[in-house]
């Protein structure tokens, strides 16, 4: 099994956001660590959160614990990516 780099995981998170939220590539590519997500992206409503988390689990082969899902996790692109990196690392 090959370990994914931070950059690969970040790219996967970016692609999941694009796919689940149906946003264009240029918009997703412009996301930085400080880009606000939940509450700032109209596409990321409570219904989209479930799809987003499920896709991240599938594409990164991780399990996202219900207890981990809160406002901090989805606050920014950086917080979501950092969480994914942590989960992939085990």
Protein backbone atom coordinates (compact mmCIF):
# COMPACT_ATOMS: atom_id res chain seq x y z
CA UNK A 1 0.00 0.00 0.00
CA UNK A 2 1.33 3.39 -0.99
CA UNK A 3 1.04 6.25 1.46
CA UNK A 4 -0.50 9.38 0.00
CA UNK A 5 1.36 12.65 0.33
CA UNK A 6 -0.20 15.76 1.83
CA UNK A 7 -0.43 17.21 -1.68
CA UNK A 8 -2.24 14.11 -3.02
CA UNK A 9 -4.72 14.20 -0.15
CA UNK A 10 -5.28 17.92 -0.62
CA UNK A 11 -5.97 17.32 -4.31
CA UNK A 12 -8.43 14.56 -3.45
CA UNK A 13 -10.26 16.85 -1.01
CA UNK A 14 -10.39 19.52 -3.73
CA UNK A 15 -11.80 17.02 -6.26
CA UNK A 16 -14.41 15.75 -3.80
CA UNK A 17 -15.56 19.32 -3.13
CA UNK A 18 -15.80 19.92 -6.88
CA UNK A 19 -17.73 16.73 -7.54
CA UNK A 20 -20.09 16.80 -4.57
CA UNK A 21 -20.84 20.52 -4.71
CA UNK A 22 -20.78 20.79 -8.52
CA UNK A 23 -18.42 23.74 -8.47
CA UNK A 24 -16.05 24.47 -11.32
CA UNK A 25 -12.38 23.54 -11.31
CA UNK A 26 -11.09 27.11 -11.28
CA UNK A 27 -13.10 27.92 -8.17
CA UNK A 28 -11.98 24.79 -6.34
CA UNK A 29 -8.36 25.29 -7.43
CA UNK A 30 -8.42 28.75 -5.87
CA UNK A 31 -9.18 27.35 -2.40
CA UNK A 32 -6.46 28.03 0.15
CA UNK A 33 -6.08 26.72 3.68
CA UNK A 34 -8.04 29.72 4.96
CA UNK A 35 -10.93 29.44 2.46
CA UNK A 36 -14.10 29.17 4.52
CA UNK A 37 -16.39 26.26 3.68
CA UNK A 38 -19.49 25.52 5.77
CA UNK A 39 -21.54 28.67 6.09
CA UNK A 40 -19.55 30.41 3.37
CA UNK A 41 -20.22 28.15 0.37
CA UNK A 42 -23.94 28.13 -0.39
CA UNK A 43 -23.52 24.75 -2.09
CA UNK A 44 -22.25 23.18 1.15
CA UNK A 45 -25.47 22.84 3.06
CA UNK A 46 -26.32 20.18 5.63
CA UNK A 47 -27.48 17.78 2.91
CA UNK A 48 -24.21 18.14 0.99
CA UNK A 49 -22.12 17.47 4.12
CA UNK A 50 -23.20 13.81 4.21
CA UNK A 51 -22.27 13.33 0.56
CA UNK A 52 -18.96 15.11 1.05
CA UNK A 53 -17.97 12.96 4.02
CA UNK A 54 -19.02 9.74 2.32
CA UNK A 55 -17.00 10.60 -0.78
CA UNK A 56 -13.94 11.43 1.32
CA UNK A 57 -14.25 8.09 3.10
CA UNK A 58 -14.52 6.23 -0.21
CA UNK A 59 -11.73 8.02 -2.06
CA UNK A 60 -9.26 8.13 0.83
CA UNK A 61 -10.18 4.76 2.35
CA UNK A 62 -10.81 6.29 5.77
CA UNK A 63 -13.59 6.21 8.35
CA UNK A 64 -14.85 9.56 9.59
CA UNK A 65 -16.13 9.25 13.14
CA UNK A 66 -19.47 10.92 13.89
CA UNK A 67 -17.87 12.57 16.93
CA UNK A 68 -15.35 14.29 14.63
CA UNK A 69 -17.98 16.01 12.50
CA UNK A 70 -18.45 19.53 13.79
CA UNK A 71 -18.10 23.13 12.74
CA UNK A 72 -14.33 23.07 13.17
CA UNK A 73 -13.89 20.16 10.75
CA UNK A 74 -15.74 21.97 7.99
CA UNK A 75 -14.70 25.51 8.88
CA UNK A 76 -12.02 25.89 6.23
CA UNK A 77 -10.43 24.01 3.36
CA UNK A 78 -7.30 23.73 5.50
CA UNK A 79 -9.11 22.21 8.48
CA UNK A 80 -10.82 19.64 6.28
CA UNK A 81 -7.58 18.77 4.50
CA UNK A 82 -5.62 18.53 7.77
CA UNK A 83 -8.26 16.17 9.16
CA UNK A 84 -8.06 14.00 6.04
CA UNK A 85 -4.25 13.90 6.24
CA UNK A 86 -4.47 12.86 9.89
CA UNK A 87 -7.00 10.10 9.15
CA UNK A 88 -5.00 8.73 6.21
CA UNK A 89 -1.85 8.64 8.36
CA UNK A 90 -3.76 6.58 10.90
